Amino acid sequence: MTGLIFAVAALWVVVLGLVVALFALARQTGVLFERISPMGALINDAGPKVGDASPRFTLPSLTGGGVVAIGGQAPKSKLVFFLSPTCPVCKKLLPILKSIRGSEKGWLDLVLASDGEEGKHRAFIERANLGSFPYVLSTELGITYRVSRLPFAVLIDEAGTVISKGLVNNREQLESLFNAKELGVPSIQTLIDQMKPSNA
């Protein structure tokens, strides 16, 4: 009889331990979800702000076709993608850029931008088969947008307004710039932050 009581007591201790572990696991799952919640492009506050008019540039394209206008009125929105021949993440995103250029061509023009030695960029254009993209070299353009890390992208609408911008490391972050335009928010992360319940 004593053994049975001891076994039942031990069983209850195990059940209570499992209940406590379950609650702890549920809490940790919530914390983990918050930490890895969907995140868009990593926006920075330097340079022209979202909602401001983009500075205007008129730059020659290394791939021909005359000059490329950035800023000001335009028939389509423009995505300016800052890259470098030595940036591995930039190279990883090139097939995605080619895909987006085809799928979004009805409303979007895509411009590749960088700085440095022209010869190295021409070789990069040839190696990566980028001849169909407008490709501009301008130190001033990168300084104006305070581009400190690559790859970096800026989306400018037809009126020449900066709609969204940020550091982009994958397709989801790149497409989040378009989602921000559609939703009328500076970034997807801003939208997520606005949707979080207030602790007040």
N, C-alpha and C. Protein backbone atom coordinates (compact mmCIF):
# COMPACT_ATOMS: atom_id res chain seq x y z
N MET A 1 0.84 -1.21 0.00
CA MET A 1 0.00 0.00 0.00
C MET A 1 0.87 1.26 0.00
N THR A 2 1.90 1.23 0.84
CA THR A 2 2.82 2.38 0.89
C THR A 2 3.51 2.58 -0.45
N GLY A 3 3.87 1.48 -1.09
CA GLY A 3 4.50 1.56 -2.41
C GLY A 3 3.59 2.18 -3.44
N LEU A 4 2.30 1.87 -3.38
CA LEU A 4 1.33 2.43 -4.32
C LEU A 4 1.18 3.94 -4.11
N ILE A 5 1.12 4.35 -2.86
CA ILE A 5 1.01 5.79 -2.56
C ILE A 5 2.25 6.52 -3.07
N PHE A 6 3.41 5.90 -2.84
CA PHE A 6 4.66 6.51 -3.31
C PHE A 6 4.67 6.63 -4.84
N ALA A 7 4.18 5.60 -5.52
CA ALA A 7 4.16 5.60 -7.00
C ALA A 7 3.23 6.68 -7.52
N VAL A 8 2.04 6.81 -6.88
CA VAL A 8 1.08 7.85 -7.31
C VAL A 8 1.66 9.24 -7.08
N ALA A 9 2.30 9.44 -5.93
CA ALA A 9 2.92 10.73 -5.63
C ALA A 9 4.01 11.06 -6.64
N ALA A 10 4.82 10.05 -6.96
CA ALA A 10 5.89 10.26 -7.94
C ALA A 10 5.32 10.61 -9.31
N LEU A 11 4.21 9.94 -9.66
CA LEU A 11 3.55 10.21 -10.94
C LEU A 11 3.05 11.64 -11.00
N TRP A 12 2.47 12.12 -9.88
CA TRP A 12 1.98 13.50 -9.84
C TRP A 12 3.13 14.50 -9.97
N VAL A 13 4.25 14.18 -9.35
CA VAL A 13 5.42 15.06 -9.47
C VAL A 13 5.88 15.14 -10.93
N VAL A 14 5.89 13.99 -11.60
CA VAL A 14 6.28 13.95 -13.02
C VAL A 14 5.31 14.76 -13.87
N VAL A 15 3.98 14.60 -13.61
CA VAL A 15 2.96 15.33 -14.38
C VAL A 15 3.12 16.84 -14.17
N LEU A 16 3.30 17.25 -12.91
CA LEU A 16 3.49 18.68 -12.63
C LEU A 16 4.76 19.20 -13.31
N GLY A 17 5.82 18.39 -13.30
CA GLY A 17 7.05 18.78 -13.99
C GLY A 17 6.84 18.97 -15.48
N LEU A 18 6.05 18.05 -16.07
CA LEU A 18 5.76 18.17 -17.51
C LEU A 18 4.92 19.40 -17.81
N VAL A 19 3.96 19.73 -16.94
CA VAL A 19 3.13 20.93 -17.13
C VAL A 19 4.00 22.18 -17.09
N VAL A 20 4.89 22.25 -16.11
CA VAL A 20 5.80 23.40 -16.00
C VAL A 20 6.68 23.49 -17.24
N ALA A 21 7.21 22.37 -17.70
CA ALA A 21 8.07 22.35 -18.90
C ALA A 21 7.29 22.80 -20.13
N LEU A 22 6.01 22.38 -20.23
CA LEU A 22 5.18 22.76 -21.36
C LEU A 22 4.97 24.27 -21.40
N PHE A 23 4.67 24.86 -20.24
CA PHE A 23 4.48 26.32 -20.18
C PHE A 23 5.77 27.06 -20.53
N ALA A 24 6.90 26.54 -20.03
CA ALA A 24 8.19 27.16 -20.33
C ALA A 24 8.49 27.08 -21.83
N LEU A 25 8.19 25.93 -22.42
CA LEU A 25 8.41 25.74 -23.86
C LEU A 25 7.53 26.67 -24.68
N ALA A 26 6.26 26.82 -24.26
CA ALA A 26 5.34 27.72 -24.97
C ALA A 26 5.84 29.16 -24.90
N ARG A 27 6.36 29.55 -23.75
CA ARG A 27 6.87 30.91 -23.60
C ARG A 27 8.09 31.12 -24.50
N GLN A 28 8.99 30.15 -24.51
CA GLN A 28 10.19 30.27 -25.34
C GLN A 28 9.86 30.29 -26.83
N THR A 29 8.82 29.54 -27.21
CA THR A 29 8.39 29.55 -28.61
C THR A 29 7.92 30.94 -29.00
N GLY A 30 7.16 31.59 -28.12
CA GLY A 30 6.70 32.96 -28.38
C GLY A 30 7.85 33.94 -28.51
N VAL A 31 8.84 33.80 -27.62
CA VAL A 31 10.02 34.66 -27.68
C VAL A 31 10.79 34.44 -28.97
N LEU A 32 10.95 33.17 -29.35
CA LEU A 32 11.65 32.84 -30.58
C LEU A 32 10.94 33.40 -31.80
N PHE A 33 9.60 33.28 -31.83
CA PHE A 33 8.84 33.80 -32.97
C PHE A 33 9.03 35.30 -33.08
N GLU A 34 9.05 35.99 -31.95
CA GLU A 34 9.22 37.44 -31.98
C GLU A 34 10.59 37.81 -32.52
N ARG A 35 11.60 37.00 -32.14
CA ARG A 35 12.95 37.29 -32.60
C ARG A 35 13.13 37.05 -34.09
N ILE A 36 12.44 36.06 -34.63
CA ILE A 36 12.62 35.73 -36.05
C ILE A 36 11.40 36.11 -36.87
N SER A 37 10.62 37.09 -36.39
CA SER A 37 9.46 37.53 -37.15
C SER A 37 9.90 38.05 -38.50
N PRO A 38 9.04 37.98 -39.52
CA PRO A 38 9.43 38.38 -40.86
C PRO A 38 10.02 39.79 -40.86
N MET A 39 11.15 39.94 -41.50
CA MET A 39 11.80 41.24 -41.50
C MET A 39 12.11 41.63 -42.93
N GLY A 40 11.81 42.88 -43.23
CA GLY A 40 12.09 43.37 -44.56
C GLY A 40 13.51 43.89 -44.66
N ALA A 41 13.73 44.71 -45.68
CA ALA A 41 15.04 45.31 -45.87
C ALA A 41 15.44 46.09 -44.62
N LEU A 42 16.72 46.05 -44.30
CA LEU A 42 17.22 46.71 -43.10
C LEU A 42 17.41 48.19 -43.41
N ILE A 43 16.41 48.97 -43.07
CA ILE A 43 16.39 50.39 -43.43
C ILE A 43 17.38 51.16 -42.57
N ASN A 44 17.97 52.21 -43.14
CA ASN A 44 18.81 53.10 -42.34
C ASN A 44 18.26 54.52 -42.45
N ASP A 45 18.62 55.35 -41.48
CA ASP A 45 18.09 56.71 -41.43
C ASP A 45 19.00 57.72 -42.10
N ALA A 46 20.15 57.28 -42.59
CA ALA A 46 21.08 58.20 -43.23
C ALA A 46 20.63 58.48 -44.67
N GLY A 47 21.07 59.59 -45.20
CA GLY A 47 20.74 59.94 -46.58
C GLY A 47 19.30 60.39 -46.73
N PRO A 48 18.82 60.52 -47.97
CA PRO A 48 17.43 60.95 -48.20
C PRO A 48 16.46 60.01 -47.48
N LYS A 49 15.52 60.56 -46.76
CA LYS A 49 14.59 59.76 -45.98
C LYS A 49 13.42 59.29 -46.84
N VAL A 50 12.80 58.21 -46.40
CA VAL A 50 11.59 57.72 -47.06
C VAL A 50 10.53 58.83 -46.99
N GLY A 51 9.94 59.14 -48.15
CA GLY A 51 8.97 60.22 -48.23
C GLY A 51 9.54 61.51 -48.78
N ASP A 52 10.89 61.62 -48.81
CA ASP A 52 11.54 62.80 -49.37
C ASP A 52 11.74 62.62 -50.88
N ALA A 53 11.89 63.74 -51.55
CA ALA A 53 12.23 63.69 -52.98
C ALA A 53 13.67 63.20 -53.13
N SER A 54 13.87 62.30 -54.07
CA SER A 54 15.23 61.82 -54.33
C SER A 54 16.05 62.92 -54.99
N PRO A 55 17.30 63.08 -54.60
CA PRO A 55 18.18 63.96 -55.37
C PRO A 55 18.24 63.49 -56.82
N ARG A 56 18.43 64.42 -57.73
CA ARG A 56 18.43 64.07 -59.16
C ARG A 56 19.85 63.84 -59.67
N PHE A 57 19.96 62.80 -60.46
CA PHE A 57 21.23 62.47 -61.10
C PHE A 57 20.96 62.12 -62.56
N THR A 58 21.88 62.49 -63.41
CA THR A 58 21.86 62.06 -64.81
C THR A 58 23.24 61.48 -65.09
N LEU A 59 23.27 60.16 -65.28
CA LEU A 59 24.54 59.45 -65.35
C LEU A 59 24.62 58.59 -66.60
N PRO A 60 25.79 58.52 -67.22
CA PRO A 60 25.94 57.64 -68.39
C PRO A 60 25.94 56.17 -67.96
N SER A 61 25.36 55.33 -68.79
CA SER A 61 25.34 53.90 -68.51
C SER A 61 26.54 53.21 -69.17
N LEU A 62 27.19 52.34 -68.43
CA LEU A 62 28.31 51.58 -68.99
C LEU A 62 27.85 50.58 -70.04
N THR A 63 26.56 50.24 -70.02
CA THR A 63 26.04 49.23 -70.94
C THR A 63 25.37 49.85 -72.17
N GLY A 64 25.59 51.14 -72.39
CA GLY A 64 25.03 51.80 -73.56
C GLY A 64 23.62 52.30 -73.30
N GLY A 65 23.00 52.83 -74.31
CA GLY A 65 21.64 53.33 -74.18
C GLY A 65 21.55 54.75 -73.66
N GLY A 66 22.68 55.49 -73.69
CA GLY A 66 22.64 56.89 -73.28
C GLY A 66 22.74 57.06 -71.78
N VAL A 67 22.01 58.05 -71.27
CA VAL A 67 22.12 58.40 -69.86
C VAL A 67 20.96 57.81 -69.07
N VAL A 68 21.17 57.67 -67.76
CA VAL A 68 20.16 57.16 -66.84
C VAL A 68 19.78 58.29 -65.90
N ALA A 69 18.49 58.59 -65.83
CA ALA A 69 18.00 59.63 -64.92
C ALA A 69 17.52 58.96 -63.63
N ILE A 70 18.01 59.45 -62.52
CA ILE A 70 17.58 58.96 -61.20
C ILE A 70 17.01 60.16 -60.45
N GLY A 71 15.76 60.03 -59.98
CA GLY A 71 15.07 61.15 -59.34
C GLY A 71 14.26 61.93 -60.35
N GLY A 72 13.32 62.71 -59.89
CA GLY A 72 12.46 63.47 -60.78
C GLY A 72 11.34 62.61 -61.35
N GLN A 73 10.49 63.24 -62.14
CA GLN A 73 9.36 62.54 -62.75
C GLN A 73 9.84 61.47 -63.73
N ALA A 74 9.15 60.35 -63.74
CA ALA A 74 9.52 59.24 -64.64
C ALA A 74 8.27 58.43 -64.94
N PRO A 75 8.24 57.73 -66.08
CA PRO A 75 7.07 56.92 -66.42
C PRO A 75 6.85 55.74 -65.47
N LYS A 76 7.94 55.23 -64.87
CA LYS A 76 7.85 54.08 -63.98
C LYS A 76 8.62 54.35 -62.68
N SER A 77 8.35 53.53 -61.68
CA SER A 77 9.18 53.54 -60.48
C SER A 77 10.56 53.02 -60.85
N LYS A 78 11.54 53.34 -60.02
CA LYS A 78 12.91 52.92 -60.33
C LYS A 78 13.54 52.30 -59.08
N LEU A 79 14.12 51.11 -59.25
CA LEU A 79 14.87 50.47 -58.18
C LEU A 79 16.35 50.65 -58.50
N VAL A 80 17.06 51.37 -57.63
CA VAL A 80 18.49 51.55 -57.79
C VAL A 80 19.17 50.54 -56.86
N PHE A 81 19.89 49.61 -57.45
CA PHE A 81 20.51 48.52 -56.70
C PHE A 81 22.02 48.74 -56.68
N PHE A 82 22.56 49.03 -55.48
CA PHE A 82 23.99 49.27 -55.32
C PHE A 82 24.70 47.93 -55.09
N LEU A 83 25.74 47.70 -55.88
CA LEU A 83 26.45 46.43 -55.83
C LEU A 83 27.94 46.64 -56.07
N SER A 84 28.69 45.56 -56.02
CA SER A 84 30.12 45.61 -56.28
C SER A 84 30.55 44.28 -56.89
N PRO A 85 31.53 44.30 -57.78
CA PRO A 85 32.02 43.05 -58.36
C PRO A 85 32.62 42.10 -57.33
N THR A 86 33.01 42.62 -56.16
CA THR A 86 33.63 41.78 -55.13
C THR A 86 32.67 41.39 -54.01
N CYS A 87 31.39 41.73 -54.15
CA CYS A 87 30.40 41.45 -53.10
C CYS A 87 29.72 40.11 -53.39
N PRO A 88 29.95 39.07 -52.56
CA PRO A 88 29.37 37.75 -52.84
C PRO A 88 27.85 37.72 -52.74
N VAL A 89 27.29 38.48 -51.81
CA VAL A 89 25.83 38.51 -51.68
C VAL A 89 25.20 39.18 -52.90
N CYS A 90 25.85 40.23 -53.40
CA CYS A 90 25.37 40.90 -54.62
C CYS A 90 25.28 39.90 -55.78
N LYS A 91 26.32 39.08 -55.93
CA LYS A 91 26.35 38.10 -57.01
C LYS A 91 25.24 37.07 -56.84
N LYS A 92 24.97 36.69 -55.58
CA LYS A 92 23.90 35.72 -55.30
C LYS A 92 22.54 36.28 -55.70
N LEU A 93 22.38 37.61 -55.60
CA LEU A 93 21.09 38.23 -55.91
C LEU A 93 20.89 38.54 -57.39
N LEU A 94 21.92 38.43 -58.19
CA LEU A 94 21.80 38.79 -59.62
C LEU A 94 20.72 37.99 -60.35
N PRO A 95 20.63 36.67 -60.19
CA PRO A 95 19.53 35.95 -60.86
C PRO A 95 18.16 36.43 -60.40
N ILE A 96 18.06 36.80 -59.14
CA ILE A 96 16.78 37.31 -58.60
C ILE A 96 16.45 38.65 -59.24
N LEU A 97 17.45 39.51 -59.39
CA LEU A 97 17.24 40.80 -60.05
C LEU A 97 16.77 40.61 -61.49
N LYS A 98 17.38 39.64 -62.17
CA LYS A 98 16.97 39.37 -63.55
C LYS A 98 15.52 38.90 -63.60
N SER A 99 15.13 38.06 -62.65
CA SER A 99 13.75 37.58 -62.58
C SER A 99 12.79 38.71 -62.28
N ILE A 100 13.14 39.55 -61.32
CA ILE A 100 12.27 40.68 -60.94
C ILE A 100 12.15 41.66 -62.09
N ARG A 101 13.25 41.87 -62.80
CA ARG A 101 13.21 42.81 -63.92
C ARG A 101 12.18 42.37 -64.97
N GLY A 102 12.06 41.05 -65.16
CA GLY A 102 11.06 40.56 -66.11
C GLY A 102 9.65 40.58 -65.55
N SER A 103 9.49 40.14 -64.30
CA SER A 103 8.15 40.01 -63.74
C SER A 103 7.53 41.35 -63.36
N GLU A 104 8.34 42.36 -63.06
CA GLU A 104 7.81 43.66 -62.62
C GLU A 104 7.99 44.77 -63.66
N LYS A 105 8.28 44.39 -64.91
CA LYS A 105 8.62 45.40 -65.92
C LYS A 105 7.49 46.36 -66.24
N GLY A 106 6.26 45.99 -65.90
CA GLY A 106 5.13 46.87 -66.19
C GLY A 106 5.15 48.16 -65.40
N TRP A 107 5.78 48.14 -64.22
CA TRP A 107 5.78 49.34 -63.38
C TRP A 107 7.16 49.74 -62.87
N LEU A 108 8.18 48.90 -63.15
CA LEU A 108 9.48 49.11 -62.52
C LEU A 108 10.63 49.09 -63.52
N ASP A 109 11.53 50.06 -63.40
CA ASP A 109 12.82 50.04 -64.08
C ASP A 109 13.88 49.73 -63.04
N LEU A 110 14.88 48.96 -63.42
CA LEU A 110 15.93 48.56 -62.49
C LEU A 110 17.27 49.08 -62.97
N VAL A 111 18.00 49.76 -62.08
CA VAL A 111 19.30 50.33 -62.41
C VAL A 111 20.34 49.76 -61.46
N LEU A 112 21.46 49.29 -61.98
CA LEU A 112 22.57 48.84 -61.16
C LEU A 112 23.53 50.01 -60.98
N ALA A 113 24.03 50.18 -59.75
CA ALA A 113 24.89 51.32 -59.46
C ALA A 113 26.08 50.90 -58.61
N SER A 114 27.22 51.53 -58.86
CA SER A 114 28.42 51.24 -58.08
C SER A 114 29.40 52.39 -58.26
N ASP A 115 30.63 52.19 -57.80
CA ASP A 115 31.71 53.14 -58.04
C ASP A 115 33.01 52.35 -58.18
N GLY A 116 34.09 53.05 -58.47
CA GLY A 116 35.36 52.35 -58.63
C GLY A 116 35.87 52.38 -60.05
N GLU A 117 36.80 51.48 -60.36
CA GLU A 117 37.46 51.48 -61.66
C GLU A 117 36.53 50.94 -62.75
N GLU A 118 36.40 51.72 -63.80
CA GLU A 118 35.48 51.36 -64.88
C GLU A 118 35.85 50.02 -65.51
N GLY A 119 37.14 49.77 -65.71
CA GLY A 119 37.56 48.53 -66.35
C GLY A 119 37.11 47.29 -65.59
N LYS A 120 37.20 47.33 -64.27
CA LYS A 120 36.76 46.19 -63.46
C LYS A 120 35.26 45.97 -63.58
N HIS A 121 34.52 47.07 -63.67
CA HIS A 121 33.07 46.94 -63.79
C HIS A 121 32.67 46.42 -65.17
N ARG A 122 33.39 46.86 -66.19
CA ARG A 122 33.08 46.34 -67.53
C ARG A 122 33.34 44.83 -67.60
N ALA A 123 34.41 44.38 -66.96
CA ALA A 123 34.70 42.95 -66.92
C ALA A 123 33.62 42.21 -66.13
N PHE A 124 33.16 42.80 -65.05
CA PHE A 124 32.10 42.21 -64.23
C PHE A 124 30.79 42.11 -65.02
N ILE A 125 30.47 43.17 -65.75
CA ILE A 125 29.26 43.18 -66.58
C ILE A 125 29.30 42.04 -67.60
N GLU A 126 30.46 41.84 -68.18
CA GLU A 126 30.63 40.78 -69.18
C GLU A 126 30.51 39.40 -68.53
N ARG A 127 31.22 39.21 -67.40
CA ARG A 127 31.20 37.91 -66.71
C ARG A 127 29.80 37.53 -66.22
N ALA A 128 29.10 38.51 -65.66
CA ALA A 128 27.80 38.24 -65.03
C ALA A 128 26.63 38.42 -66.00
N ASN A 129 26.94 38.73 -67.26
CA ASN A 129 25.90 38.90 -68.28
C ASN A 129 24.87 39.96 -67.87
N LEU A 130 25.38 41.17 -67.58
CA LEU A 130 24.52 42.26 -67.12
C LEU A 130 24.32 43.35 -68.18
N GLY A 131 24.63 43.02 -69.41
CA GLY A 131 24.56 44.02 -70.48
C GLY A 131 23.19 44.59 -70.74
N SER A 132 22.14 43.90 -70.30
CA SER A 132 20.79 44.42 -70.54
C SER A 132 20.32 45.39 -69.46
N PHE A 133 21.09 45.52 -68.38
CA PHE A 133 20.74 46.45 -67.30
C PHE A 133 21.43 47.80 -67.51
N PRO A 134 20.74 48.90 -67.24
CA PRO A 134 21.48 50.16 -67.09
C PRO A 134 22.45 50.01 -65.92
N TYR A 135 23.69 50.42 -66.09
CA TYR A 135 24.73 50.23 -65.07
C TYR A 135 25.51 51.53 -64.96
N VAL A 136 25.40 52.20 -63.82
CA VAL A 136 26.04 53.50 -63.66
C VAL A 136 27.13 53.44 -62.60
N LEU A 137 28.18 54.24 -62.83
CA LEU A 137 29.24 54.41 -61.85
C LEU A 137 29.19 55.84 -61.33
N SER A 138 29.05 55.98 -60.01
CA SER A 138 29.01 57.32 -59.43
C SER A 138 29.30 57.25 -57.94
N THR A 139 30.44 57.80 -57.55
CA THR A 139 30.76 57.89 -56.12
C THR A 139 29.76 58.80 -55.43
N GLU A 140 29.38 59.88 -56.10
CA GLU A 140 28.46 60.86 -55.50
C GLU A 140 27.09 60.24 -55.19
N LEU A 141 26.62 59.36 -56.07
CA LEU A 141 25.33 58.71 -55.85
C LEU A 141 25.35 57.89 -54.56
N GLY A 142 26.40 57.10 -54.38
CA GLY A 142 26.52 56.29 -53.16
C GLY A 142 26.67 57.14 -51.91
N ILE A 143 27.42 58.23 -52.01
CA ILE A 143 27.59 59.13 -50.86
C ILE A 143 26.27 59.80 -50.51
N THR A 144 25.53 60.22 -51.53
CA THR A 144 24.24 60.89 -51.29
C THR A 144 23.28 60.00 -50.54
N TYR A 145 23.25 58.71 -50.90
CA TYR A 145 22.35 57.76 -50.23
C TYR A 145 23.00 57.11 -49.01
N ARG A 146 24.23 57.53 -48.66
CA ARG A 146 24.94 57.01 -47.49
C ARG A 146 25.03 55.48 -47.52
N VAL A 147 25.43 54.98 -48.66
CA VAL A 147 25.56 53.52 -48.82
C VAL A 147 26.88 53.11 -48.18
N SER A 148 26.79 52.42 -47.06
CA SER A 148 28.00 51.99 -46.36
C SER A 148 28.21 50.48 -46.44
N ARG A 149 27.13 49.73 -46.72
CA ARG A 149 27.23 48.27 -46.86
C ARG A 149 26.44 47.84 -48.08
N LEU A 150 26.85 46.73 -48.66
CA LEU A 150 26.21 46.21 -49.86
C LEU A 150 25.69 44.80 -49.60
N PRO A 151 24.67 44.40 -50.39
CA PRO A 151 23.92 45.18 -51.38
C PRO A 151 22.88 46.08 -50.73
N PHE A 152 22.67 47.24 -51.34
CA PHE A 152 21.74 48.24 -50.84
C PHE A 152 20.83 48.64 -51.99
N ALA A 153 19.56 48.85 -51.69
CA ALA A 153 18.60 49.20 -52.75
C ALA A 153 17.73 50.37 -52.33
N VAL A 154 17.37 51.18 -53.30
CA VAL A 154 16.48 52.33 -53.08
C VAL A 154 15.37 52.27 -54.11
N LEU A 155 14.12 52.34 -53.66
CA LEU A 155 12.97 52.35 -54.56
C LEU A 155 12.43 53.77 -54.63
N ILE A 156 12.38 54.31 -55.85
CA ILE A 156 11.90 55.68 -56.11
C ILE A 156 10.66 55.59 -56.98
N ASP A 157 9.59 56.29 -56.60
CA ASP A 157 8.36 56.19 -57.38
C ASP A 157 8.38 57.12 -58.60
N GLU A 158 7.28 57.13 -59.34
CA GLU A 158 7.20 57.88 -60.58
C GLU A 158 7.33 59.39 -60.37
N ALA A 159 6.99 59.86 -59.16
CA ALA A 159 7.10 61.29 -58.86
C ALA A 159 8.49 61.67 -58.38
N GLY A 160 9.38 60.68 -58.25
CA GLY A 160 10.73 60.97 -57.79
C GLY A 160 10.88 60.93 -56.28
N THR A 161 9.92 60.33 -55.58
CA THR A 161 9.94 60.25 -54.12
C THR A 161 10.56 58.93 -53.68
N VAL A 162 11.40 58.99 -52.65
CA VAL A 162 11.97 57.77 -52.08
C VAL A 162 10.86 57.03 -51.34
N ILE A 163 10.52 55.84 -51.82
CA ILE A 163 9.41 55.06 -51.25
C ILE A 163 9.90 54.08 -50.19
N SER A 164 11.02 53.44 -50.43
CA SER A 164 11.61 52.52 -49.46
C SER A 164 13.07 52.32 -49.83
N LYS A 165 13.84 51.86 -48.86
CA LYS A 165 15.28 51.65 -49.09
C LYS A 165 15.82 50.76 -48.00
N GLY A 166 16.98 50.19 -48.22
CA GLY A 166 17.59 49.41 -47.17
C GLY A 166 18.60 48.40 -47.67
N LEU A 167 19.27 47.78 -46.71
CA LEU A 167 20.21 46.71 -46.99
C LEU A 167 19.42 45.45 -47.31
N VAL A 168 19.73 44.81 -48.43
CA VAL A 168 18.97 43.63 -48.85
C VAL A 168 19.93 42.44 -49.04
N ASN A 169 19.66 41.37 -48.31
CA ASN A 169 20.54 40.20 -48.38
C ASN A 169 19.89 38.99 -49.04
N ASN A 170 18.58 39.09 -49.34
CA ASN A 170 17.89 37.96 -49.94
C ASN A 170 16.67 38.46 -50.71
N ARG A 171 15.99 37.53 -51.37
CA ARG A 171 14.82 37.90 -52.19
C ARG A 171 13.72 38.52 -51.35
N GLU A 172 13.49 37.96 -50.15
CA GLU A 172 12.41 38.46 -49.30
C GLU A 172 12.65 39.91 -48.91
N GLN A 173 13.87 40.24 -48.58
CA GLN A 173 14.17 41.63 -48.21
C GLN A 173 14.06 42.55 -49.42
N LEU A 174 14.46 42.07 -50.57
CA LEU A 174 14.34 42.87 -51.79
C LEU A 174 12.87 43.12 -52.12
N GLU A 175 12.06 42.07 -52.07
CA GLU A 175 10.64 42.23 -52.39
C GLU A 175 9.89 43.01 -51.32
N SER A 176 10.45 43.06 -50.10
CA SER A 176 9.80 43.84 -49.05
C SER A 176 9.77 45.32 -49.40
N LEU A 177 10.71 45.78 -50.23
CA LEU A 177 10.69 47.17 -50.69
C LEU A 177 9.44 47.43 -51.52
N PHE A 178 9.07 46.46 -52.36
CA PHE A 178 7.87 46.59 -53.18
C PHE A 178 6.62 46.51 -52.31
N ASN A 179 6.65 45.60 -51.32
CA ASN A 179 5.51 45.47 -50.41
C ASN A 179 5.29 46.76 -49.63
N ALA A 180 6.39 47.39 -49.22
CA ALA A 180 6.28 48.66 -48.49
C ALA A 180 5.61 49.71 -49.37
N LYS A 181 5.95 49.72 -50.66
CA LYS A 181 5.31 50.68 -51.59
C LYS A 181 3.81 50.41 -51.68
N GLU A 182 3.44 49.14 -51.83
CA GLU A 182 2.03 48.78 -51.97
C GLU A 182 1.23 49.12 -50.71
N LEU A 183 1.85 48.94 -49.54
CA LEU A 183 1.16 49.16 -48.27
C LEU A 183 1.27 50.59 -47.77
N GLY A 184 2.10 51.40 -48.42
CA GLY A 184 2.24 52.79 -48.01
C GLY A 184 2.97 52.97 -46.70
N VAL A 185 3.94 52.09 -46.40
CA VAL A 185 4.72 52.20 -45.17
C VAL A 185 6.21 52.32 -45.53
N PRO A 186 7.02 52.90 -44.62
CA PRO A 186 8.45 53.05 -44.93
C PRO A 186 9.16 51.71 -45.11
N SER A 187 8.75 50.71 -44.32
CA SER A 187 9.36 49.39 -44.41
C SER A 187 8.42 48.36 -43.81
N ILE A 188 8.64 47.10 -44.16
CA ILE A 188 7.83 46.02 -43.59
C ILE A 188 8.08 45.93 -42.09
N GLN A 189 9.32 46.19 -41.67
CA GLN A 189 9.61 46.13 -40.23
C GLN A 189 8.81 47.19 -39.48
N THR A 190 8.64 48.37 -40.08
CA THR A 190 7.82 49.41 -39.46
C THR A 190 6.40 48.91 -39.27
N LEU A 191 5.86 48.24 -40.29
CA LEU A 191 4.50 47.70 -40.21
C LEU A 191 4.40 46.66 -39.11
N ILE A 192 5.38 45.76 -39.01
CA ILE A 192 5.37 44.73 -37.97
C ILE A 192 5.40 45.39 -36.58
N ASP A 193 6.24 46.42 -36.43
CA ASP A 193 6.34 47.11 -35.14
C ASP A 193 5.01 47.79 -34.78
N GLN A 194 4.32 48.33 -35.79
CA GLN A 194 3.03 48.99 -35.54
C GLN A 194 1.96 47.98 -35.12
N MET A 195 2.09 46.75 -35.60
CA MET A 195 1.08 45.72 -35.30
C MET A 195 1.30 45.04 -33.94
N LYS A 196 2.48 45.22 -33.36
CA LYS A 196 2.74 44.59 -32.07
C LYS A 196 1.86 45.22 -31.01
N PRO A 197 1.30 44.42 -30.10
CA PRO A 197 0.47 44.98 -29.05
C PRO A 197 1.28 45.86 -28.11
N SER A 198 0.67 46.95 -27.68
CA SER A 198 1.34 47.86 -26.77
C SER A 198 1.34 47.29 -25.36
N ASN A 199 2.43 47.52 -24.64
CA ASN A 199 2.49 47.06 -23.24
C ASN A 199 1.88 48.04 -22.27
N ALA A 200 1.47 49.22 -22.83
CA ALA A 200 0.90 50.25 -21.96
C ALA A 200 -0.46 49.82 -21.45
